[in-house]
Amino acid sequence: MEKKYEAAQGPDGYPPQNPPPTYGQQQPGYGPPQGYGQPQPGYGQPQPGYGQPPPGYGPPQPGYGPPPGAGCQETVIVQPQMGTFVVQPVVRPPDYLILSIVSCFFCWPMAICALISSNSSRNASDTGDFELARQKGETAKKVAIGAIIFGIIIIIVIVVLRVVVFSTRTYHYYG
């Protein structure tokens, strides 16, 4: 025969429990909480002045400077003052990429050289070498302008040749 242990049960089928303690109320089975500021056993006395603000600048501690009665002159040490420096932001030099792209419509072989130089200018500027970036940018500008001028000259020559060749040519119609 089995013997069952039956405990007192509440209306919900579980054993009755005490409500949780409210804030500040001591829990059953525990001792009073140790407060802050009370010395804990085994640690000795608290240090004096603990928790108080630190003292301000008082008289200098002994041991600094010449000993009293040494007959030394007082020396005043003047430290150099901080200078005022004007820091100007470094302006990124132009790479003339747009001009190089436009020059592709006039003379693309020269424009490719301008694009390469413009890209080198941009890369040098990204790495912080602004002098090299300026030089490469100037090269890109010169080559791009040269490509535009060369392209315009070629276009003028072609137009002139077309006009001259077609105007001097005689057409014979055999009828």
Protein backbone atom coordinates (compact mmCIF):
# COMPACT_ATOMS: atom_id res chain seq x y z
CA MET A 1 0.00 0.00 0.00
CA GLU A 2 1.27 3.39 -0.99
CA LYS A 3 1.21 6.26 1.33
CA LYS A 4 0.88 9.69 -0.23
CA TYR A 5 2.08 12.81 1.39
CA GLU A 6 -0.57 15.42 1.09
CA ALA A 7 0.26 18.99 1.96
CA ALA A 8 -2.20 21.72 2.55
CA GLN A 9 -3.25 23.20 -0.76
CA GLY A 10 -4.69 26.57 -1.58
CA PRO A 11 -7.68 27.25 -3.82
CA ASP A 12 -5.48 27.10 -6.95
CA GLY A 13 -4.07 23.66 -6.08
CA TYR A 14 -0.66 24.92 -4.98
CA PRO A 15 0.69 25.16 -1.45
CA PRO A 16 0.01 28.54 0.16
CA GLN A 17 2.86 31.08 0.02
CA ASN A 18 3.56 34.30 1.83
CA PRO A 19 3.37 37.48 -0.25
CA PRO A 20 6.75 38.96 -1.23
CA PRO A 21 8.16 41.55 1.17
CA THR A 22 7.76 45.19 0.27
CA TYR A 23 10.70 47.51 -0.27
CA GLY A 24 12.66 48.06 2.91
CA GLN A 25 10.91 45.22 4.75
CA GLN A 26 13.22 42.55 6.12
CA GLN A 27 12.86 39.15 4.50
CA PRO A 28 12.19 36.21 6.77
CA GLY A 29 15.21 34.02 7.40
CA TYR A 30 17.76 36.76 6.68
CA GLY A 31 19.61 38.95 9.17
CA PRO A 32 19.62 42.74 9.04
CA PRO A 33 21.49 44.09 5.99
CA GLN A 34 24.88 45.58 6.59
CA GLY A 35 24.74 49.26 5.81
CA TYR A 36 27.36 51.24 3.98
CA GLY A 37 29.80 53.13 6.10
CA GLN A 38 29.84 50.54 8.88
CA PRO A 39 33.21 48.87 9.36
CA GLN A 40 33.23 45.25 8.27
CA PRO A 41 34.90 42.75 10.54
CA GLY A 42 38.56 42.06 9.74
CA TYR A 43 39.21 45.25 7.81
CA GLY A 44 40.22 47.56 10.65
CA GLN A 45 39.19 51.16 11.08
CA PRO A 46 38.17 53.30 8.12
CA GLN A 47 40.79 55.77 6.93
CA PRO A 48 40.47 59.29 8.29
CA GLY A 49 39.01 61.80 5.89
CA TYR A 50 37.40 59.14 3.72
CA GLY A 51 34.37 60.54 1.96
CA GLN A 52 35.37 64.16 2.52
CA PRO A 53 36.44 66.44 -0.34
CA PRO A 54 40.20 66.64 -0.92
CA PRO A 55 41.91 69.65 0.64
CA GLY A 56 42.74 72.59 -1.61
CA TYR A 57 46.21 73.83 -2.42
CA GLY A 58 47.80 74.40 0.91
CA PRO A 59 51.33 75.33 1.88
CA PRO A 60 54.06 73.39 0.04
CA GLN A 61 55.26 70.19 1.60
CA PRO A 62 58.62 70.32 3.38
CA GLY A 63 61.58 69.18 1.30
CA TYR A 64 60.91 71.37 -1.73
CA GLY A 65 63.20 74.29 -2.49
CA PRO A 66 66.38 75.29 -0.67
CA PRO A 67 66.67 74.57 3.01
CA PRO A 68 65.88 77.50 5.28
CA GLY A 69 68.83 79.78 5.98
CA ALA A 70 70.92 78.52 3.05
CA GLY A 71 71.48 82.07 1.77
CA CYS A 72 70.25 81.31 -1.75
CA GLN A 73 68.70 83.85 -4.02
CA GLU A 74 65.19 83.30 -5.11
CA THR A 75 64.96 82.25 -8.75
CA VAL A 76 62.01 82.93 -10.97
CA ILE A 77 61.66 80.56 -13.87
CA VAL A 78 59.71 81.92 -16.82
CA GLN A 79 58.31 79.34 -19.17
CA PRO A 80 57.79 80.25 -22.82
CA GLN A 81 54.26 81.27 -23.65
CA MET A 82 52.18 79.33 -26.09
CA GLY A 83 52.39 80.90 -29.55
CA THR A 84 49.41 81.52 -31.74
CA PHE A 85 49.45 79.34 -34.81
CA VAL A 86 47.12 79.80 -37.73
CA VAL A 87 46.32 76.46 -39.27
CA GLN A 88 44.99 76.76 -42.77
CA PRO A 89 43.14 73.78 -44.15
CA VAL A 90 44.84 72.12 -47.07
CA VAL A 91 42.79 72.60 -50.19
CA ARG A 92 42.63 69.61 -52.47
CA PRO A 93 44.19 70.57 -55.82
CA PRO A 94 41.94 70.29 -58.88
CA ASP A 95 42.28 67.13 -60.94
CA TYR A 96 40.51 68.44 -64.09
CA LEU A 97 38.55 65.21 -64.59
CA ILE A 98 35.57 66.96 -66.25
CA LEU A 99 37.85 68.77 -68.71
CA SER A 100 39.53 65.44 -69.53
CA ILE A 101 36.16 63.82 -70.20
CA VAL A 102 35.06 66.70 -72.45
CA SER A 103 38.31 66.46 -74.40
CA CYS A 104 37.34 62.89 -75.36
CA PHE A 105 34.87 64.38 -77.90
CA PHE A 106 37.66 66.21 -79.74
CA CYS A 107 40.70 63.92 -79.80
CA TRP A 108 40.23 60.72 -77.84
CA PRO A 109 43.87 59.42 -78.05
CA MET A 110 45.15 62.55 -76.31
CA ALA A 111 42.13 62.59 -73.99
CA ILE A 112 42.99 59.13 -72.69
CA CYS A 113 46.38 60.50 -71.58
CA ALA A 114 44.57 63.39 -69.87
CA LEU A 115 42.21 60.96 -68.11
CA ILE A 116 45.13 58.85 -66.84
CA SER A 117 46.90 61.95 -65.53
CA SER A 118 43.69 63.20 -63.92
CA ASN A 119 43.18 59.85 -62.19
CA SER A 120 46.79 59.92 -60.94
CA SER A 121 46.14 63.40 -59.55
CA ARG A 122 43.07 62.18 -57.68
CA ASN A 123 44.94 59.15 -56.24
CA ALA A 124 47.86 61.32 -55.10
CA SER A 125 45.44 63.72 -53.44
CA ASP A 126 43.72 60.83 -51.63
CA THR A 127 47.04 59.67 -50.20
CA GLY A 128 47.89 63.19 -49.01
CA ASP A 129 50.65 63.98 -51.54
CA PHE A 130 49.21 67.34 -52.60
CA GLU A 131 52.30 68.51 -54.50
CA LEU A 132 52.27 65.45 -56.78
CA ALA A 133 48.50 65.82 -57.14
CA ARG A 134 48.95 69.44 -58.23
CA GLN A 135 51.59 68.45 -60.80
CA LYS A 136 49.48 65.62 -62.23
CA GLY A 137 46.43 67.90 -62.33
CA GLU A 138 48.35 70.54 -64.28
CA THR A 139 49.53 67.86 -66.71
CA ALA A 140 45.95 66.64 -67.16
CA LYS A 141 44.78 70.21 -67.83
CA LYS A 142 47.51 70.86 -70.43
CA VAL A 143 46.91 67.56 -72.27
CA ALA A 144 43.13 68.03 -72.22
CA ILE A 145 43.38 71.57 -73.59
CA GLY A 146 45.83 70.31 -76.21
CA ALA A 147 43.37 67.57 -77.20
CA ILE A 148 40.54 70.10 -77.54
CA ILE A 149 42.68 72.48 -79.66
CA PHE A 150 43.97 69.64 -81.82
CA GLY A 151 40.43 68.34 -82.31
CA ILE A 152 39.12 71.77 -83.28
CA ILE A 153 41.97 72.19 -85.78
CA ILE A 154 41.22 68.78 -87.32
CA ILE A 155 37.51 69.63 -87.58
CA ILE A 156 38.32 72.97 -89.28
CA VAL A 157 40.70 71.27 -91.74
CA ILE A 158 38.11 68.63 -92.61
CA VAL A 159 35.38 71.23 -93.14
CA VAL A 160 37.66 73.40 -95.32
CA LEU A 161 38.76 70.43 -97.40
CA ARG A 162 35.19 69.32 -97.93
CA VAL A 163 34.12 72.77 -99.02
CA VAL A 164 37.11 73.23 -101.31
CA VAL A 165 36.96 69.75 -102.84
CA PHE A 166 33.22 69.80 -103.46
CA SER A 167 33.18 73.37 -104.77
CA THR A 168 35.95 72.79 -107.35
CA ARG A 169 34.67 69.48 -108.55
CA THR A 170 32.64 69.64 -111.67
CA TYR A 171 29.91 67.25 -112.29
CA HIS A 172 29.30 66.04 -115.81
CA TYR A 173 25.96 64.72 -116.64
CA TYR A 174 25.68 62.67 -119.76
CA GLY A 175 22.32 62.77 -121.00
